[in-house]
Amino acid sequence: MCPAAALGGAGREGDCDRLLRQGVARPAAEVAEAALVLGAAGRDREAGALLGAFVRLRTAEEAAALARRDPHWFAPRLLAEARALSGTRHRDLAHALRVAGIPAS
């Protein structure tokens, strides 16, 4: 179990979210792998927190590149996180996904 999932499972959501935000500084491939591991473990809240931090702190083009790892899994989650931030962030990401050839629906 990854440390973020362990913290979340122990009811320490604040610590979990802090760890996930720090993880966004890692290379995109590592962030993608962590999100997939969290999702596979049923830790959707933690996966969403990680992707939300990624969308908030990285460019729309970086988020689109991350989505290439598994477009059907990442694209809707990234778009939902972007929508929760702002309409502009959502539009920017949807555009970056289209440019990258990833369906934004």
Protein backbone atom coordinates (compact mmCIF):
# COMPACT_ATOMS: atom_id res chain seq x y z
CA MET A 1 0.00 0.00 0.00
CA CYS A 2 1.36 3.42 -0.85
CA PRO A 3 1.90 5.90 2.01
CA ALA A 4 -0.91 8.21 0.84
CA ALA A 5 -3.41 5.35 0.81
CA ALA A 6 -2.25 4.27 4.27
CA LEU A 7 -2.70 7.78 5.64
CA GLY A 8 -6.11 8.11 4.02
CA GLY A 9 -7.16 4.72 5.33
CA ALA A 10 -6.10 5.74 8.83
CA GLY A 11 -8.37 8.79 8.70
CA ARG A 12 -5.50 11.23 8.27
CA GLU A 13 -6.84 12.90 5.13
CA GLY A 14 -5.01 16.18 5.78
CA ASP A 15 -1.64 14.45 5.96
CA CYS A 16 -2.57 12.33 2.97
CA ASP A 17 -3.48 15.38 0.87
CA ARG A 18 -0.27 17.15 1.89
CA LEU A 19 1.79 14.15 0.79
CA LEU A 20 -0.08 13.96 -2.51
CA ARG A 21 0.46 17.67 -3.21
CA GLN A 22 4.18 17.21 -2.62
CA GLY A 23 4.16 14.24 -4.99
CA VAL A 24 3.03 16.44 -7.88
CA ALA A 25 6.62 17.71 -8.14
CA ARG A 26 7.67 14.22 -9.25
CA PRO A 27 7.97 13.38 -12.96
CA ALA A 28 4.61 12.97 -14.70
CA ALA A 29 5.21 9.25 -15.27
CA GLU A 30 5.56 8.72 -11.52
CA VAL A 31 2.43 10.77 -10.81
CA ALA A 32 0.53 8.70 -13.39
CA GLU A 33 1.70 5.45 -11.81
CA ALA A 34 0.77 6.62 -8.32
CA ALA A 35 -2.71 7.69 -9.47
CA LEU A 36 -3.29 4.34 -11.17
CA VAL A 37 -2.13 2.43 -8.08
CA LEU A 38 -4.43 4.48 -5.88
CA GLY A 39 -7.34 3.95 -8.26
CA ALA A 40 -6.72 0.20 -8.46
CA ALA A 41 -6.67 0.06 -4.66
CA GLY A 42 -10.08 1.74 -4.52
CA ARG A 43 -8.61 4.95 -3.12
CA ASP A 44 -10.57 7.23 -5.45
CA ARG A 45 -10.48 10.20 -3.05
CA GLU A 46 -6.70 10.06 -2.88
CA ALA A 47 -6.35 9.58 -6.66
CA GLY A 48 -8.62 12.59 -7.16
CA ALA A 49 -6.58 14.67 -4.71
CA LEU A 50 -3.38 13.80 -6.56
CA LEU A 51 -4.86 14.59 -9.96
CA GLY A 52 -6.46 17.76 -8.62
CA ALA A 53 -3.09 18.97 -7.36
CA PHE A 54 -1.52 18.06 -10.71
CA VAL A 55 -4.14 20.03 -12.65
CA ARG A 56 -3.78 22.98 -10.29
CA LEU A 57 0.03 23.14 -10.34
CA ARG A 58 1.03 21.91 -13.79
CA THR A 59 0.14 23.10 -17.29
CA ALA A 60 -2.79 21.80 -19.31
CA GLU A 61 -0.28 20.33 -21.78
CA GLU A 62 1.44 18.41 -18.97
CA ALA A 63 -1.94 17.09 -17.82
CA ALA A 64 -2.72 15.99 -21.39
CA ALA A 65 0.64 14.22 -21.55
CA LEU A 66 -0.20 12.47 -18.28
CA ALA A 67 -3.52 11.35 -19.77
CA ARG A 68 -1.70 9.53 -22.60
CA ARG A 69 -0.79 6.83 -20.07
CA ASP A 70 -4.42 5.62 -19.97
CA PRO A 71 -6.71 8.11 -21.74
CA HIS A 72 -9.99 6.46 -20.74
CA TRP A 73 -9.04 6.45 -17.07
CA PHE A 74 -7.24 9.79 -16.82
CA ALA A 75 -9.13 12.15 -19.16
CA PRO A 76 -12.49 12.18 -17.31
CA ARG A 77 -10.80 12.44 -13.90
CA LEU A 78 -8.47 15.24 -14.96
CA LEU A 79 -11.35 17.12 -16.59
CA ALA A 80 -13.48 16.78 -13.46
CA GLU A 81 -10.67 18.15 -11.32
CA ALA A 82 -10.08 21.01 -13.79
CA ARG A 83 -13.82 21.82 -13.81
CA ALA A 84 -13.78 22.00 -10.02
CA LEU A 85 -11.01 24.63 -10.22
CA SER A 86 -12.43 26.93 -12.90
CA GLY A 87 -14.11 27.10 -16.26
CA THR A 88 -10.91 28.45 -17.77
CA ARG A 89 -8.81 25.58 -16.44
CA HIS A 90 -11.38 23.11 -17.77
CA ARG A 91 -11.41 24.71 -21.24
CA ASP A 92 -7.60 24.81 -21.36
CA LEU A 93 -7.35 21.15 -20.45
CA ALA A 94 -10.10 20.09 -22.87
CA HIS A 95 -8.24 21.94 -25.64
CA ALA A 96 -4.89 20.35 -24.69
CA LEU A 97 -6.51 16.91 -24.71
CA ARG A 98 -7.98 17.51 -28.18
CA VAL A 99 -4.61 18.70 -29.49
CA ALA A 100 -3.04 15.55 -28.05
CA GLY A 101 -5.66 13.43 -29.83
CA ILE A 102 -7.35 12.34 -26.60
CA PRO A 103 -11.15 12.43 -26.52
CA ALA A 104 -12.24 15.05 -24.00
CA SER A 105 -15.65 13.61 -23.27
